[in-house]
Amino acid sequence: MTSRERVLAVLAHELPDRIPNGLGGCETEGLHIVAYDNLQKLLGVERKPPRLDTFMTNAVFEIPVIRAMEGDILLLASLNMCPSDLRGEGIGDQWKEQTLWGRTFSVPVRERFTEREDGVIVWETAGGAICPKGAYFFDHPGYTDLLAEFEVPDPDKFHPRDTIDERVLRRLEETAKRLYEETDLSLCLGECITDLQVAPGGMVGSMILMKEEPDVMREFLDKCADAGLKQIELLDQAVGKYVDILSVAHDLGDNRGVTIGAELWREIYKDAYKKYFQGWRKRTKMRVNLHSCGSIAEILPDLIECGLEVLNPVQTSAAGMDPASLKARFGRDLVFWGGAYNPQLIPTDASYDDVFAQVRQNVAELGKDGGFIFAGVHNLPATLPQEHIRAMLDAWKAERTYR
């Protein structure tokens, strides 16, 4: 089978010839750019300065790397994440070289970084985000005011983005068509549409709304759903015949469970997600891929009812998210993308053999009877040992063929 045929079979809950490799296939199933640089060396691929895709400092996976690791999915674009095109002809002037952590990388031309004398890296164009000396991730400015007073926002003044620039659509169409014809890789379109992560008044303000003005919060969500569906129609017309998967994100859980509680989530969000996902599936064949971290097992039946098809990153360290349990409960309805290697459960000093055994077990459990796309849990960190990368890929190869 070709990569595209293999992924389409999994998405249809059919058994392909082997478990597909989706490492790097979306913005939340890849590697930090330092780890990706190490992967290039491990695979023996000629070094190309890794390109920085998102605020998570993850890498854009290039086709030679995907081929060398026998990958199956190519991320087409990250419109909501990256200010430069990821693919296409003549995009060289959209990227520039940048030294970070003592190595040369490639970043979008509009991004600006400075390194202070004390070794701290400042991401100037990301609101002054700080990467402390010796660290590999940036602390982005967050919402910390606990709101002594809170004014209820007016939904009538809320107008989420519901269009995509025509020039962007035509570039996507041209690039998707070329990659579809020149490769056999399955194409995934990254986070490009308005999602349901709207938080009027910030995290605290939106939680106040959920409890004190739930109808206001639901109106905001309803508008977001309508906006996203309009964008899906535009994307389907442009690339729907080439792209297999479309991604959206909303971190609904933490390590303990659904962050706002399952009952409140159902009261506030479920109708909006039903409208969003069911409307999505009526408008395009591109599959619904939801990125949601943490423990969300309690609401997975609700999300499946709403129309969810693919879930990533499968945070196996969170409550109720162990591979065997997830597969037994939801394997007939969901495709799991990720979950093979969890850095929260595997210490950096773990041996090759220990990593190999743990990853092989996870692949066996999640891949049983199909419905699984191999990858780690979220973007794996810069400190990921090269031997762990080797063990992870070797374990997938050892367990990827169905018996």
Protein backbone atom coordinates (compact mmCIF):
# COMPACT_ATOMS: atom_id res chain seq x y z
CA MET A 1 0.00 0.00 0.00
CA THR A 2 1.06 3.60 -0.50
CA SER A 3 1.25 5.93 2.46
CA ARG A 4 -1.97 7.63 1.38
CA GLU A 5 -3.80 4.33 1.01
CA ARG A 6 -2.49 3.20 4.37
CA VAL A 7 -3.71 6.30 6.21
CA LEU A 8 -7.06 6.30 4.45
CA ALA A 9 -7.58 2.68 5.47
CA VAL A 10 -6.90 3.53 9.12
CA LEU A 11 -9.26 6.51 8.95
CA ALA A 12 -11.95 4.18 7.60
CA HIS A 13 -11.27 1.70 10.44
CA GLU A 14 -9.96 -0.85 8.00
CA LEU A 15 -6.73 -2.82 8.42
CA PRO A 16 -3.87 -1.52 6.25
CA ASP A 17 -0.69 -3.46 5.55
CA ARG A 18 0.99 -1.86 8.59
CA ILE A 19 0.53 0.82 11.24
CA PRO A 20 1.20 4.21 9.61
CA ASN A 21 3.90 6.52 10.95
CA GLY A 22 2.45 9.98 11.64
CA LEU A 23 5.44 11.51 13.42
CA GLY A 24 5.56 15.17 12.39
CA GLY A 25 2.28 14.91 10.48
CA CYS A 26 0.57 17.67 12.47
CA GLU A 27 1.74 20.53 14.69
CA THR A 28 1.26 18.54 17.90
CA GLU A 29 2.80 15.18 17.01
CA GLY A 30 6.37 16.10 16.24
CA LEU A 31 9.69 17.10 17.78
CA HIS A 32 11.30 20.18 19.24
CA ILE A 33 13.64 21.62 16.58
CA VAL A 34 16.70 20.48 18.56
CA ALA A 35 15.37 16.90 18.76
CA TYR A 36 14.47 17.04 15.07
CA ASP A 37 18.03 18.14 14.29
CA ASN A 38 19.24 15.06 16.14
CA LEU A 39 16.78 12.94 14.16
CA GLN A 40 18.31 14.16 10.90
CA LYS A 41 21.72 13.01 12.13
CA LEU A 42 20.35 9.67 13.31
CA LEU A 43 18.73 8.99 9.95
CA GLY A 44 21.84 10.02 8.01
CA VAL A 45 19.94 12.75 6.16
CA GLU A 46 21.95 15.72 4.90
CA ARG A 47 21.50 18.43 7.50
CA LYS A 48 19.12 21.23 6.65
CA PRO A 49 18.58 23.91 9.33
CA PRO A 50 15.31 22.81 10.96
CA ARG A 51 12.43 25.22 10.43
CA LEU A 52 10.48 26.48 13.43
CA ASP A 53 6.74 25.96 12.99
CA THR A 54 4.90 27.15 16.10
CA PHE A 55 5.19 28.85 19.52
CA MET A 56 5.97 25.33 20.82
CA THR A 57 9.31 25.52 18.93
CA ASN A 58 8.55 22.31 17.06
CA ALA A 59 10.05 21.53 13.67
CA VAL A 60 8.63 21.35 10.18
CA PHE A 61 9.29 17.79 8.99
CA GLU A 62 10.87 17.82 5.54
CA ILE A 63 10.13 15.17 2.93
CA PRO A 64 13.65 13.60 2.98
CA VAL A 65 13.31 13.04 6.73
CA ILE A 66 9.81 11.61 6.35
CA ARG A 67 11.06 9.23 3.68
CA ALA A 68 14.08 8.16 5.71
CA MET A 69 12.00 7.31 8.78
CA GLU A 70 9.30 5.66 6.60
CA GLY A 71 6.73 8.27 7.54
CA ASP A 72 3.31 8.48 5.98
CA ILE A 73 1.83 11.95 6.68
CA LEU A 74 2.94 15.38 5.51
CA LEU A 75 1.78 18.58 7.23
CA LEU A 76 0.66 20.90 4.46
CA ALA A 77 0.21 24.21 6.30
CA SER A 78 -0.17 25.85 9.71
CA LEU A 79 -2.11 29.02 8.93
CA ASN A 80 -3.02 29.72 12.56
CA MET A 81 0.47 28.97 13.82
CA CYS A 82 3.18 29.94 11.36
CA PRO A 83 3.44 33.27 9.48
CA SER A 84 5.43 31.67 6.65
CA ASP A 85 4.30 28.99 4.21
CA LEU A 86 5.53 25.50 5.04
CA ARG A 87 5.46 24.11 1.50
CA GLY A 88 5.29 25.33 -2.04
CA GLU A 89 7.54 26.78 -4.69
CA GLY A 90 9.56 29.91 -4.03
CA ILE A 91 9.13 30.10 -0.26
CA GLY A 92 12.83 30.57 0.46
CA ASP A 93 12.45 34.32 0.98
CA GLN A 94 9.89 33.63 3.72
CA TRP A 95 12.53 32.04 5.97
CA LYS A 96 15.81 33.24 7.49
CA GLU A 97 18.64 31.65 9.44
CA GLN A 98 18.70 32.17 13.20
CA THR A 99 21.13 30.96 15.87
CA LEU A 100 19.36 29.45 18.88
CA TRP A 101 20.84 27.15 21.55
CA GLY A 102 24.17 27.24 19.76
CA ARG A 103 22.78 25.85 16.50
CA THR A 104 21.60 27.32 13.22
CA PHE A 105 17.89 27.01 12.57
CA SER A 106 15.44 28.58 10.15
CA VAL A 107 12.62 30.84 11.33
CA PRO A 108 9.91 32.89 9.58
CA VAL A 109 11.32 36.21 8.37
CA ARG A 110 8.97 38.26 10.52
CA GLU A 111 10.07 36.61 13.76
CA ARG A 112 12.76 38.31 15.84
CA PHE A 113 14.90 36.81 18.59
CA THR A 114 17.63 38.35 20.74
CA GLU A 115 20.04 36.65 23.14
CA ARG A 116 20.96 38.64 26.23
CA GLU A 117 24.37 38.63 27.90
CA ASP A 118 22.99 36.40 30.67
CA GLY A 119 22.10 33.71 28.13
CA VAL A 120 18.36 34.38 28.15
CA ILE A 121 16.72 34.25 24.71
CA VAL A 122 13.90 36.75 24.11
CA TRP A 123 11.33 36.07 21.39
CA GLU A 124 10.61 39.73 20.67
CA THR A 125 7.80 39.18 18.19
CA ALA A 126 6.01 36.77 20.55
CA GLY A 127 5.29 39.45 23.12
CA GLY A 128 8.73 39.22 24.68
CA ALA A 129 8.50 35.52 25.51
CA ILE A 130 11.49 34.36 27.59
CA CYS A 131 13.60 31.22 27.28
CA PRO A 132 15.77 31.04 30.44
CA LYS A 133 19.43 30.10 30.14
CA GLY A 134 19.78 26.33 29.89
CA ALA A 135 16.13 25.87 28.90
CA TYR A 136 14.61 25.02 25.52
CA PHE A 137 11.07 26.39 25.74
CA PHE A 138 9.75 29.93 25.94
CA ASP A 139 7.60 31.26 28.76
CA HIS A 140 4.91 33.22 26.96
CA PRO A 141 3.12 36.10 28.68
CA GLY A 142 -0.10 34.78 30.12
CA TYR A 143 -3.30 36.00 31.70
CA THR A 144 -2.65 36.28 35.44
CA ASP A 145 -5.04 38.99 36.66
CA LEU A 146 -7.63 37.39 38.94
CA LEU A 147 -10.19 40.03 37.98
CA ALA A 148 -11.31 42.16 40.88
CA GLU A 149 -14.15 43.23 38.59
CA PHE A 150 -15.52 41.60 35.47
CA GLU A 151 -17.74 43.16 32.85
CA VAL A 152 -19.90 40.73 30.86
CA PRO A 153 -18.87 41.00 27.19
CA ASP A 154 -21.43 41.71 24.49
CA PRO A 155 -21.76 38.79 22.01
CA ASP A 156 -23.19 41.19 19.41
CA LYS A 157 -19.77 42.86 19.24
CA PHE A 158 -17.96 39.55 18.75
CA HIS A 159 -17.11 38.73 15.13
CA PRO A 160 -14.71 35.76 14.81
CA ARG A 161 -12.75 35.31 11.60
CA ASP A 162 -14.88 33.42 9.08
CA THR A 163 -12.91 33.91 5.87
CA ILE A 164 -9.54 32.88 4.42
CA ASP A 165 -7.70 35.18 2.07
CA GLU A 166 -8.20 34.17 -1.57
CA ARG A 167 -4.47 34.33 -2.28
CA VAL A 168 -3.80 31.95 0.61
CA LEU A 169 -6.42 29.54 -0.68
CA ARG A 170 -4.92 29.54 -4.17
CA ARG A 171 -1.40 28.93 -2.82
CA LEU A 172 -2.72 26.06 -0.72
CA GLU A 173 -4.55 24.59 -3.71
CA GLU A 174 -1.49 24.77 -5.95
CA THR A 175 0.80 23.28 -3.31
CA ALA A 176 -1.61 20.53 -2.27
CA LYS A 177 -2.19 19.50 -5.89
CA ARG A 178 1.54 19.30 -6.58
CA LEU A 179 2.30 17.29 -3.43
CA TYR A 180 -0.66 15.00 -4.08
CA GLU A 181 0.60 14.26 -7.58
CA GLU A 182 4.34 14.11 -6.83
CA THR A 183 4.20 12.05 -3.61
CA ASP A 184 2.11 9.23 -2.22
CA LEU A 185 2.05 10.80 1.24
CA SER A 186 -1.19 11.49 3.06
CA LEU A 187 -1.70 15.25 3.47
CA CYS A 188 -2.79 16.82 6.73
CA LEU A 189 -3.90 20.43 6.93
CA GLY A 190 -2.88 21.92 10.26
CA GLU A 191 -4.71 24.38 12.47
CA CYS A 192 -6.19 26.82 9.96
CA ILE A 193 -9.76 27.55 11.03
CA THR A 194 -11.55 29.33 13.86
CA ASP A 195 -11.93 26.85 16.71
CA LEU A 196 -13.91 26.77 19.95
CA GLN A 197 -11.09 27.94 22.24
CA VAL A 198 -12.67 31.39 22.59
CA ALA A 199 -12.17 32.75 26.12
CA PRO A 200 -13.91 36.11 26.66
CA GLY A 201 -12.08 37.92 29.47
CA GLY A 202 -9.24 35.39 29.40
CA MET A 203 -9.27 32.04 31.15
CA VAL A 204 -10.67 33.44 34.40
CA GLY A 205 -13.26 35.61 32.68
CA SER A 206 -14.54 32.78 30.50
CA MET A 207 -14.91 30.53 33.55
CA ILE A 208 -16.93 33.24 35.27
CA LEU A 209 -19.15 33.41 32.19
CA MET A 210 -19.68 29.64 32.18
CA LYS A 211 -21.05 29.74 35.71
CA GLU A 212 -22.77 33.14 35.87
CA GLU A 213 -23.77 33.86 32.25
CA PRO A 214 -23.78 30.48 30.47
CA ASP A 215 -26.03 31.74 27.65
CA VAL A 216 -23.48 34.45 26.82
CA MET A 217 -20.65 31.92 26.67
CA ARG A 218 -22.74 29.60 24.49
CA GLU A 219 -23.45 32.49 22.11
CA PHE A 220 -19.73 33.13 21.71
CA LEU A 221 -19.16 29.44 20.97
CA ASP A 222 -22.02 29.32 18.49
CA LYS A 223 -20.50 32.19 16.54
CA CYS A 224 -17.13 30.45 16.50
CA ALA A 225 -18.73 27.26 15.18
CA ASP A 226 -20.45 29.18 12.38
CA ALA A 227 -17.20 30.94 11.47
CA GLY A 228 -15.20 27.71 11.39
CA LEU A 229 -17.76 25.98 9.19
CA LYS A 230 -17.62 28.80 6.64
CA GLN A 231 -13.85 28.41 6.49
CA ILE A 232 -14.15 24.65 6.07
CA GLU A 233 -16.30 25.23 2.99
CA LEU A 234 -13.58 27.44 1.51
CA LEU A 235 -10.83 24.95 2.34
CA ASP A 236 -12.82 22.04 0.93
CA GLN A 237 -13.25 23.85 -2.37
CA ALA A 238 -9.51 24.56 -2.49
CA VAL A 239 -7.88 21.39 -1.17
CA GLY A 240 -10.61 18.95 -0.11
CA LYS A 241 -9.81 16.57 -2.95
CA TYR A 242 -6.15 16.37 -1.91
CA VAL A 243 -6.13 16.54 1.90
CA ASP A 244 -7.15 13.64 4.16
CA ILE A 245 -7.07 15.24 7.61
CA LEU A 246 -7.88 18.71 8.98
CA SER A 247 -6.75 19.65 12.48
CA VAL A 248 -8.24 21.77 15.25
CA ALA A 249 -7.19 22.20 18.88
CA HIS A 250 -8.75 22.66 22.30
CA ASP A 251 -7.01 21.51 25.47
CA LEU A 252 -9.93 20.22 27.52
CA GLY A 253 -8.15 18.21 30.20
CA ASP A 254 -5.36 18.17 32.73
CA ASN A 255 -3.67 15.19 34.37
CA ARG A 256 -6.67 14.58 36.64
CA GLY A 257 -9.64 14.96 34.33
CA VAL A 258 -11.68 17.46 32.32
CA THR A 259 -10.43 20.83 33.57
CA ILE A 260 -13.84 22.44 34.09
CA GLY A 261 -15.53 19.14 34.94
CA ALA A 262 -17.40 16.85 32.58
CA GLU A 263 -20.86 18.10 33.53
CA LEU A 264 -20.03 21.76 32.98
CA TRP A 265 -18.30 20.87 29.70
CA ARG A 266 -21.46 19.14 28.53
CA GLU A 267 -23.63 22.07 29.61
CA ILE A 268 -21.48 24.70 27.90
CA TYR A 269 -19.63 23.05 25.02
CA LYS A 270 -21.37 19.92 23.83
CA ASP A 271 -24.02 21.51 21.63
CA ALA A 272 -21.41 23.77 20.03
CA TYR A 273 -19.13 20.81 19.29
CA LYS A 274 -22.02 18.81 17.88
CA LYS A 275 -22.85 21.66 15.53
CA TYR A 276 -19.17 22.12 14.67
CA PHE A 277 -18.13 18.52 14.05
CA GLN A 278 -21.35 17.32 12.43
CA GLY A 279 -21.41 20.38 10.19
CA TRP A 280 -17.75 19.74 9.37
CA ARG A 281 -18.47 16.16 8.27
CA LYS A 282 -21.33 17.33 6.03
CA ARG A 283 -19.11 19.85 4.29
CA THR A 284 -15.91 17.91 3.58
CA LYS A 285 -14.28 14.49 3.48
CA MET A 286 -11.28 15.85 5.39
CA ARG A 287 -11.34 13.98 8.70
CA VAL A 288 -11.86 15.71 12.05
CA ASN A 289 -8.56 15.65 13.99
CA LEU A 290 -8.83 17.16 17.49
CA HIS A 291 -5.75 17.98 19.53
CA SER A 292 -6.67 17.87 23.21
CA CYS A 293 -4.21 17.30 26.03
CA GLY A 294 -4.81 15.66 29.37
CA SER A 295 -7.45 13.32 30.71
CA ILE A 296 -10.59 13.58 28.58
CA ALA A 297 -11.74 9.95 28.73
CA GLU A 298 -14.89 11.00 30.62
CA ILE A 299 -16.14 13.10 27.69
CA LEU A 300 -14.84 10.99 24.81
CA PRO A 301 -18.28 9.35 24.38
CA ASP A 302 -19.73 12.87 24.04
CA LEU A 303 -17.07 13.95 21.54
CA ILE A 304 -17.65 10.79 19.51
CA GLU A 305 -21.38 11.54 19.53
CA CYS A 306 -20.54 15.04 18.31
CA GLY A 307 -18.60 13.59 15.36
CA LEU A 308 -14.95 13.36 16.44
CA GLU A 309 -12.90 10.99 14.28
CA VAL A 310 -9.21 11.37 15.23
CA LEU A 311 -7.72 12.24 18.63
CA ASN A 312 -4.19 13.40 19.41
CA PRO A 313 -1.83 13.45 21.31
CA VAL A 314 -3.26 10.62 23.52
CA GLN A 315 -1.72 11.65 26.83
CA THR A 316 -1.25 8.20 28.30
CA SER A 317 0.05 9.53 31.64
CA ALA A 318 -3.25 11.25 32.47
CA ALA A 319 -6.04 9.63 34.49
CA GLY A 320 -8.07 7.10 32.51
CA MET A 321 -5.91 7.50 29.38
CA ASP A 322 -3.84 4.31 29.51
CA PRO A 323 -3.57 2.67 26.08
CA ALA A 324 -5.33 -0.61 26.87
CA SER A 325 -8.32 1.12 28.47
CA LEU A 326 -8.67 3.66 25.68
CA LYS A 327 -8.52 0.99 23.00
CA ALA A 328 -11.05 -1.25 24.74
CA ARG A 329 -13.54 1.56 25.33
CA PHE A 330 -13.20 3.72 22.22
CA GLY A 331 -11.20 1.80 19.62
CA ARG A 332 -14.22 1.03 17.45
CA ASP A 333 -15.08 4.72 17.07
CA LEU A 334 -11.85 6.70 17.29
CA VAL A 335 -8.51 6.77 15.54
CA PHE A 336 -5.73 7.44 18.06
CA TRP A 337 -2.83 9.51 16.74
CA GLY A 338 0.09 9.33 19.16
CA GLY A 339 0.62 7.77 22.56
CA ALA A 340 3.61 5.58 21.71
CA TYR A 341 6.29 7.47 23.65
CA ASN A 342 5.39 9.58 26.68
CA PRO A 343 8.23 11.72 28.14
CA GLN A 344 6.23 12.06 31.37
CA LEU A 345 6.57 8.30 31.89
CA ILE A 346 10.00 7.61 30.40
CA PRO A 347 12.97 9.23 32.19
CA THR A 348 15.77 10.62 30.05
CA ASP A 349 18.22 8.11 31.55
CA ALA A 350 16.07 5.12 30.55
CA SER A 351 17.97 2.54 28.53
CA TYR A 352 17.37 1.73 24.87
CA ASP A 353 15.88 -1.62 25.91
CA ASP A 354 13.46 -0.03 28.40
CA VAL A 355 12.26 2.52 25.86
CA PHE A 356 11.93 -0.12 23.17
CA ALA A 357 9.82 -2.35 25.46
CA GLN A 358 7.50 0.44 26.60
CA VAL A 359 6.94 1.84 23.13
CA ARG A 360 6.40 -1.60 21.63
CA GLN A 361 3.75 -2.37 24.25
CA ASN A 362 1.95 0.91 23.60
CA VAL A 363 2.02 0.37 19.85
CA ALA A 364 0.68 -3.16 20.30
CA GLU A 365 -2.18 -2.00 22.53
CA LEU A 366 -3.19 1.09 20.55
CA GLY A 367 -2.65 -0.56 17.18
CA LYS A 368 -4.67 -3.69 17.88
CA ASP A 369 -7.21 -4.23 15.07
CA GLY A 370 -6.25 -0.91 13.44
CA GLY A 371 -7.32 2.62 14.26
CA PHE A 372 -3.87 3.88 15.27
CA ILE A 373 -1.34 6.30 13.80
CA PHE A 374 2.11 6.04 15.34
CA ALA A 375 3.67 9.11 17.04
CA GLY A 376 4.74 10.29 20.48
CA VAL A 377 2.71 12.12 23.08
CA HIS A 378 2.68 15.72 21.84
CA ASN A 379 5.88 17.33 20.53
CA LEU A 380 8.76 15.50 22.14
CA PRO A 381 11.29 17.74 23.92
CA ALA A 382 14.74 18.99 22.98
CA THR A 383 16.25 16.80 25.70
CA LEU A 384 14.97 13.62 24.06
CA PRO A 385 18.06 11.35 23.88
CA GLN A 386 19.03 10.20 20.41
CA GLU A 387 18.94 6.60 21.63
CA HIS A 388 15.31 7.10 22.64
CA ILE A 389 14.46 8.29 19.14
CA ARG A 390 16.16 5.18 17.75
CA ALA A 391 14.37 2.88 20.22
CA MET A 392 11.02 4.52 19.49
CA LEU A 393 11.31 4.02 15.73
CA ASP A 394 12.72 0.51 16.11
CA ALA A 395 9.84 -0.49 18.39
CA TRP A 396 7.30 0.79 15.89
CA LYS A 397 8.99 -1.17 13.11
CA ALA A 398 9.00 -4.31 15.25
CA GLU A 399 5.28 -4.05 16.00
CA ARG A 400 3.86 -2.28 12.95
CA THR A 401 2.79 -5.34 10.96
CA TYR A 402 -0.57 -6.83 11.84
CA ARG A 403 -0.61 -10.49 12.76
